[in-house]
Protein backbone atom coordinates (compact mmCIF):
# COMPACT_ATOMS: atom_id res chain seq x y z
CA MET A 1 55.55 -89.27 -68.56
CA PRO A 2 59.38 -88.75 -68.92
CA THR A 3 60.90 -86.42 -66.98
CA THR A 4 63.31 -84.76 -68.98
CA PRO A 5 62.15 -83.98 -73.04
CA PRO A 6 64.17 -85.03 -75.24
CA PRO A 7 67.72 -83.91 -77.12
CA SER A 8 66.94 -82.11 -80.10
CA ALA A 9 66.88 -84.41 -83.20
CA GLY A 10 67.95 -84.01 -86.83
CA TYR A 11 65.33 -82.22 -89.34
CA ALA A 12 64.13 -83.60 -92.42
CA PRO A 13 64.44 -81.55 -95.42
CA VAL A 14 61.36 -78.20 -95.14
CA GLY A 15 59.96 -79.10 -98.52
CA THR A 16 59.62 -82.69 -98.13
CA ARG A 17 55.25 -83.43 -97.96
CA GLN A 18 54.02 -86.78 -96.70
CA GLU A 19 49.95 -87.09 -97.85
CA LEU A 20 48.26 -88.19 -94.30
CA PRO A 21 45.24 -90.68 -93.39
CA VAL A 22 42.83 -88.14 -92.39
CA ALA A 23 40.17 -85.98 -94.62
CA PRO A 24 41.53 -82.53 -95.47
CA HIS A 25 39.54 -80.50 -92.35
CA ALA A 26 41.57 -82.50 -90.20
CA LEU A 27 44.61 -80.96 -91.11
CA PRO A 28 45.76 -77.18 -89.77
CA HIS A 29 43.95 -74.52 -91.83
CA ARG A 30 46.89 -71.63 -90.67
CA THR A 31 50.33 -70.65 -92.11
CA PRO A 32 53.03 -72.50 -90.50
CA ARG A 33 54.18 -69.20 -89.43
CA GLU A 34 50.51 -68.41 -87.96
CA LEU A 35 50.88 -71.19 -85.67
CA LEU A 36 54.64 -70.57 -84.77
CA THR A 37 53.30 -67.33 -83.82
CA LEU A 38 50.01 -68.55 -81.59
CA ALA A 39 52.65 -71.11 -80.15
CA ARG A 40 54.50 -68.39 -78.65
CA ARG A 41 51.93 -66.23 -77.40
CA GLY A 42 50.85 -69.54 -75.51
CA LEU A 43 53.84 -70.17 -74.07
CA GLU A 44 54.15 -66.24 -73.44
CA GLU A 45 50.85 -66.83 -71.41
CA ALA A 46 51.70 -70.10 -69.77
CA ALA A 47 55.11 -68.10 -68.62
CA GLU A 48 52.56 -65.17 -66.44
CA THR A 49 50.28 -67.83 -65.09
CA ARG A 50 50.51 -68.82 -61.51
CA THR A 51 48.39 -71.44 -61.03
CA ASP A 52 49.75 -74.34 -61.89
CA GLY A 53 47.71 -76.85 -63.42
CA LEU A 54 47.02 -73.72 -65.95
CA ARG A 55 50.57 -72.97 -66.55
CA TYR A 56 51.12 -76.63 -67.70
CA ALA A 57 47.43 -76.96 -69.75
CA THR A 58 48.96 -73.54 -71.62
CA ALA A 59 52.13 -74.17 -72.32
CA HIS A 60 50.96 -78.11 -73.49
CA LEU A 61 48.78 -76.33 -75.86
CA ALA A 62 51.49 -74.07 -77.12
CA ALA A 63 53.80 -77.23 -78.12
CA LEU A 64 50.59 -78.71 -79.98
CA ARG A 65 50.09 -75.40 -81.85
CA ALA A 66 53.62 -75.71 -83.03
CA ALA A 67 53.46 -79.71 -84.11
CA ALA A 68 50.17 -78.04 -85.85
CA ALA A 69 52.76 -75.66 -87.69
CA VAL A 70 55.12 -78.98 -88.67
CA LEU A 71 51.62 -80.28 -90.21
CA ALA A 72 50.59 -77.44 -91.54
CA ALA A 73 54.16 -77.18 -93.58
CA ARG A 74 54.79 -81.06 -94.88
CA ALA A 75 51.73 -82.71 -94.36
CA THR A 76 48.43 -83.22 -97.30
CA SER A 77 45.68 -84.99 -96.04
CA ALA A 78 44.17 -88.15 -98.59
CA PRO A 79 41.38 -87.28 -100.47
CA GLY A 80 38.65 -89.50 -99.90
CA ARG A 81 40.01 -91.10 -96.51
CA ARG A 82 37.58 -91.70 -93.68
CA ASN A 83 38.10 -89.40 -90.89
CA ARG A 84 40.14 -91.12 -88.17
CA LEU A 85 40.71 -89.19 -85.38
CA THR A 86 44.16 -89.30 -84.60
CA SER A 87 46.29 -87.27 -82.08
CA VAL A 88 48.72 -84.35 -83.84
CA TRP A 89 51.56 -86.26 -82.10
CA ALA A 90 50.56 -89.21 -84.00
CA LEU A 91 50.38 -87.57 -87.06
CA LEU A 92 53.68 -85.58 -86.31
CA VAL A 93 55.86 -88.89 -86.30
CA MET A 94 54.62 -89.70 -89.70
CA VAL A 95 55.67 -86.72 -91.24
CA ALA A 96 58.69 -85.56 -89.24
CA PRO A 97 59.52 -89.39 -87.68
CA GLU A 98 62.74 -86.88 -86.20
CA LEU A 99 60.86 -85.27 -83.85
CA ASN A 100 59.17 -89.04 -82.62
CA GLU A 101 60.61 -88.27 -78.74
CA TRP A 102 59.34 -85.10 -78.68
CA ALA A 103 56.07 -86.42 -79.93
CA ALA A 104 55.92 -89.40 -77.43
CA TYR A 105 56.96 -86.68 -74.19
CA PHE A 106 54.19 -84.12 -75.19
CA ALA A 107 51.53 -87.13 -75.84
CA ALA A 108 52.23 -88.20 -72.78
CA GLY A 109 51.24 -85.49 -70.85
CA ALA A 110 48.05 -85.00 -72.85
CA ALA A 111 45.33 -86.12 -70.10
CA ARG A 112 47.14 -84.21 -67.64
CA ARG A 113 46.69 -81.35 -69.53
CA ALA A 114 43.07 -82.49 -70.11
CA ALA A 115 42.77 -82.83 -66.35
CA ALA A 116 44.79 -79.94 -65.51
CA GLU A 117 41.65 -77.92 -68.15
CA ALA A 118 39.00 -79.27 -66.17
CA GLY A 119 40.11 -78.04 -62.87
CA ILE A 120 41.20 -81.00 -61.24
CA PRO A 121 43.40 -79.84 -58.56
CA ARG A 122 47.03 -80.42 -57.49
CA VAL A 123 47.25 -82.94 -61.03
CA VAL A 124 50.26 -81.15 -61.54
CA SER A 125 53.07 -80.25 -59.26
CA ALA A 126 54.68 -76.33 -59.86
CA ARG A 127 57.98 -78.17 -60.89
CA GLU A 128 56.18 -80.05 -63.54
CA ALA A 129 54.29 -77.24 -65.12
CA ASP A 130 57.38 -75.41 -65.21
CA ASP A 131 59.33 -78.50 -66.49
CA LEU A 132 56.65 -78.84 -69.30
CA LEU A 133 57.10 -74.98 -70.03
CA ARG A 134 60.36 -75.17 -70.30
CA ALA A 135 59.94 -78.13 -72.61
CA ALA A 136 57.48 -76.31 -74.65
CA GLU A 137 59.81 -73.52 -75.63
CA GLN A 138 62.61 -75.99 -76.65
CA PHE A 139 60.63 -77.80 -78.47
CA THR A 140 58.86 -74.73 -80.46
CA ALA A 141 62.26 -73.41 -80.97
CA VAL A 142 63.13 -77.07 -82.37
CA VAL A 143 60.35 -76.47 -85.37
CA GLU A 144 61.20 -73.24 -86.11
CA VAL A 145 64.66 -74.34 -86.81
CA ALA A 146 63.35 -77.11 -89.04
CA LEU A 147 61.14 -75.07 -90.55
CA GLY A 148 63.48 -72.33 -90.75
CA LEU A 149 61.52 -69.77 -89.24
CA SER A 150 63.48 -68.32 -87.14
CA TYR A 151 62.70 -66.34 -83.84
CA GLN A 152 64.08 -63.79 -82.60
CA PRO A 153 62.96 -63.25 -78.24
CA VAL A 154 62.59 -59.65 -77.00
CA VAL A 155 64.77 -58.60 -74.32
CA ARG A 156 63.03 -58.04 -71.34
CA GLU A 157 64.99 -55.01 -70.33
CA LEU A 158 64.76 -53.24 -73.57
CA ALA A 159 61.37 -54.02 -74.41
CA SER A 160 60.46 -51.89 -70.72
């Protein structure tokens, strides 16, 4: 897995939709805004999680939700297509090629996320979990900008 996340890339037009070779039920059934809200909640949860493997897995799932927001905004399914199992990361590259490096980065961590979710000890270090959390936060922000959905972080001092 790469040690650093990819740089922010350019953005495709928000209104551009692309047909994907998947059945309708395989695409997100939530709005992009709902998925990004879930991604942000997952990032908050990951930031509060002390177990390295769970922090890694939770941050990775937040990134998956952000990727699903792009699919919800830009993809349509191909009616009548057979349901080929395809990862969110592979579909993301099809509808948002400018996010290719991000997709490759997070796809490379999928097996580790699964191992961490399964409770396998020492799958990731504290540093790897923290790095992935930062990358997921960055990726989510890139997606929000790409989709024109702004996010204003809560200033913790003011929230108290």
